Amino acid sequence: MCLIREYISNLAPTDQKQVISVLKLILEKGDPFNKQKFRHIGEQVYEIKTRNGIRILCFKGEPVSDRSLILTHGFYKPQKKVLAREKNKTLKWRKLYFEGPVNIVDI
């Protein structure tokens, strides 16, 4: 089970197109300079945003570069308390990722 694949596959088709478009842009050109679509939210956690309020949290993998993002999970536009909780999940998965061999898809 892959949380991010499952999340994207359950989105409405228009939302799926937006998410895939942003991810392709990052893959082709690196981190977007547009803070409305991609922003650092602290502790090596980044937030990818779409116009319709979809958020995907991620962190940079190894080797650290603009194109080595590890997507953890997605959710709709949160309130501050929700964002803090979701960020903590990503930090936990980031720690597991860097501690050793782990199949991040199984987390």
Protein backbone atom coordinates (compact mmCIF):
# COMPACT_ATOMS: atom_id res chain seq x y z
CA MET A 1 0.00 0.00 0.00
CA CYS A 2 1.31 3.44 -0.92
CA LEU A 3 -0.48 6.29 0.86
CA ILE A 4 0.26 8.90 -1.77
CA ARG A 5 -0.79 6.71 -4.71
CA GLU A 6 -3.98 5.76 -2.90
CA TYR A 7 -4.70 9.39 -2.05
CA ILE A 8 -4.19 10.61 -5.62
CA SER A 9 -6.23 7.77 -7.12
CA ASN A 10 -9.18 8.67 -4.85
CA LEU A 11 -9.21 12.33 -5.93
CA ALA A 12 -11.65 13.74 -8.45
CA PRO A 13 -10.25 13.66 -12.01
CA THR A 14 -9.69 17.44 -12.12
CA ASP A 15 -7.81 17.30 -8.80
CA GLN A 16 -5.73 14.36 -10.05
CA LYS A 17 -4.73 16.40 -13.12
CA GLN A 18 -3.61 19.32 -10.94
CA VAL A 19 -1.54 17.13 -8.63
CA ILE A 20 0.08 15.23 -11.49
CA SER A 21 0.82 18.48 -13.30
CA VAL A 22 2.60 19.95 -10.27
CA LEU A 23 4.55 16.73 -9.69
CA LYS A 24 5.63 16.57 -13.36
CA LEU A 25 6.77 20.19 -13.18
CA ILE A 26 8.91 19.40 -10.12
CA LEU A 27 10.34 16.30 -11.80
CA GLU A 28 11.25 18.18 -14.97
CA LYS A 29 12.44 21.51 -13.56
CA GLY A 30 13.17 21.00 -9.86
CA ASP A 31 11.64 22.84 -6.91
CA PRO A 32 9.18 25.52 -8.00
CA PHE A 33 10.13 29.05 -7.06
CA ASN A 34 6.43 29.81 -6.56
CA LYS A 35 5.82 29.78 -2.80
CA GLN A 36 2.12 29.35 -3.51
CA LYS A 37 2.76 25.87 -4.92
CA PHE A 38 5.78 24.67 -2.96
CA ARG A 39 6.97 25.85 0.42
CA HIS A 40 9.28 24.81 3.20
CA ILE A 41 7.28 24.40 6.42
CA GLY A 42 10.24 23.67 8.68
CA GLU A 43 12.43 20.78 9.78
CA GLN A 44 13.15 19.64 6.19
CA VAL A 45 9.44 19.18 5.44
CA TYR A 46 7.92 20.71 2.31
CA GLU A 47 4.33 21.26 1.24
CA ILE A 48 3.16 20.94 -2.36
CA LYS A 49 -0.08 22.86 -2.93
CA THR A 50 -2.72 22.97 -5.66
CA ARG A 51 -5.37 25.56 -6.46
CA ASN A 52 -8.16 23.37 -5.11
CA GLY A 53 -6.72 23.08 -1.62
CA ILE A 54 -4.90 19.78 -1.96
CA ARG A 55 -1.71 19.49 0.07
CA ILE A 56 1.02 16.87 -0.25
CA LEU A 57 3.81 16.73 2.30
CA CYS A 58 7.28 15.54 1.40
CA PHE A 59 10.96 15.67 2.30
CA LYS A 60 14.15 15.53 0.26
CA GLY A 61 15.76 12.15 -0.23
CA GLU A 62 19.36 11.18 -0.85
CA PRO A 63 21.24 12.60 -2.57
CA VAL A 64 19.57 15.84 -1.59
CA SER A 65 18.61 17.69 -4.76
CA ASP A 66 15.68 19.54 -6.25
CA ARG A 67 14.45 16.31 -7.83
CA SER A 68 14.72 13.87 -4.94
CA LEU A 69 11.45 14.39 -3.09
CA ILE A 70 9.90 11.62 -1.01
CA LEU A 71 6.13 12.15 -1.02
CA THR A 72 4.56 10.97 2.23
CA HIS A 73 0.83 11.69 2.16
CA GLY A 74 -1.85 14.13 1.09
CA PHE A 75 -4.83 15.91 2.58
CA TYR A 76 -7.11 18.88 1.92
CA LYS A 77 -6.28 22.42 3.01
CA PRO A 78 -5.82 22.25 6.76
CA GLN A 79 -6.18 24.49 9.73
CA LYS A 80 -2.94 25.21 11.64
CA LYS A 81 -3.50 22.37 14.15
CA VAL A 82 -4.02 19.87 11.35
CA LEU A 83 -0.90 21.05 9.50
CA ALA A 84 1.21 20.57 12.64
CA ARG A 85 -0.13 17.02 13.10
CA GLU A 86 0.46 16.12 9.45
CA LYS A 87 3.96 17.62 9.57
CA ASN A 88 4.77 15.40 12.57
CA LYS A 89 3.72 12.33 10.56
CA THR A 90 6.09 13.35 7.78
CA LEU A 91 8.94 13.89 10.27
CA LYS A 92 8.37 10.39 11.65
CA TRP A 93 8.50 8.87 8.16
CA ARG A 94 11.58 10.96 7.29
CA LYS A 95 13.37 9.59 10.36
CA LEU A 96 12.50 6.01 9.37
CA TYR A 97 13.67 6.66 5.82
CA PHE A 98 17.10 7.87 6.90
CA GLU A 99 17.62 5.29 9.68
CA GLY A 100 18.20 2.45 7.31
CA PRO A 101 16.72 0.10 4.79
CA VAL A 102 12.99 0.58 4.80
CA ASN A 103 10.41 0.19 2.10
CA ILE A 104 8.72 3.56 2.44
CA VAL A 105 5.80 2.23 0.38
CA ASP A 106 4.95 -0.11 3.29
CA ILE A 107 4.86 2.61 5.95
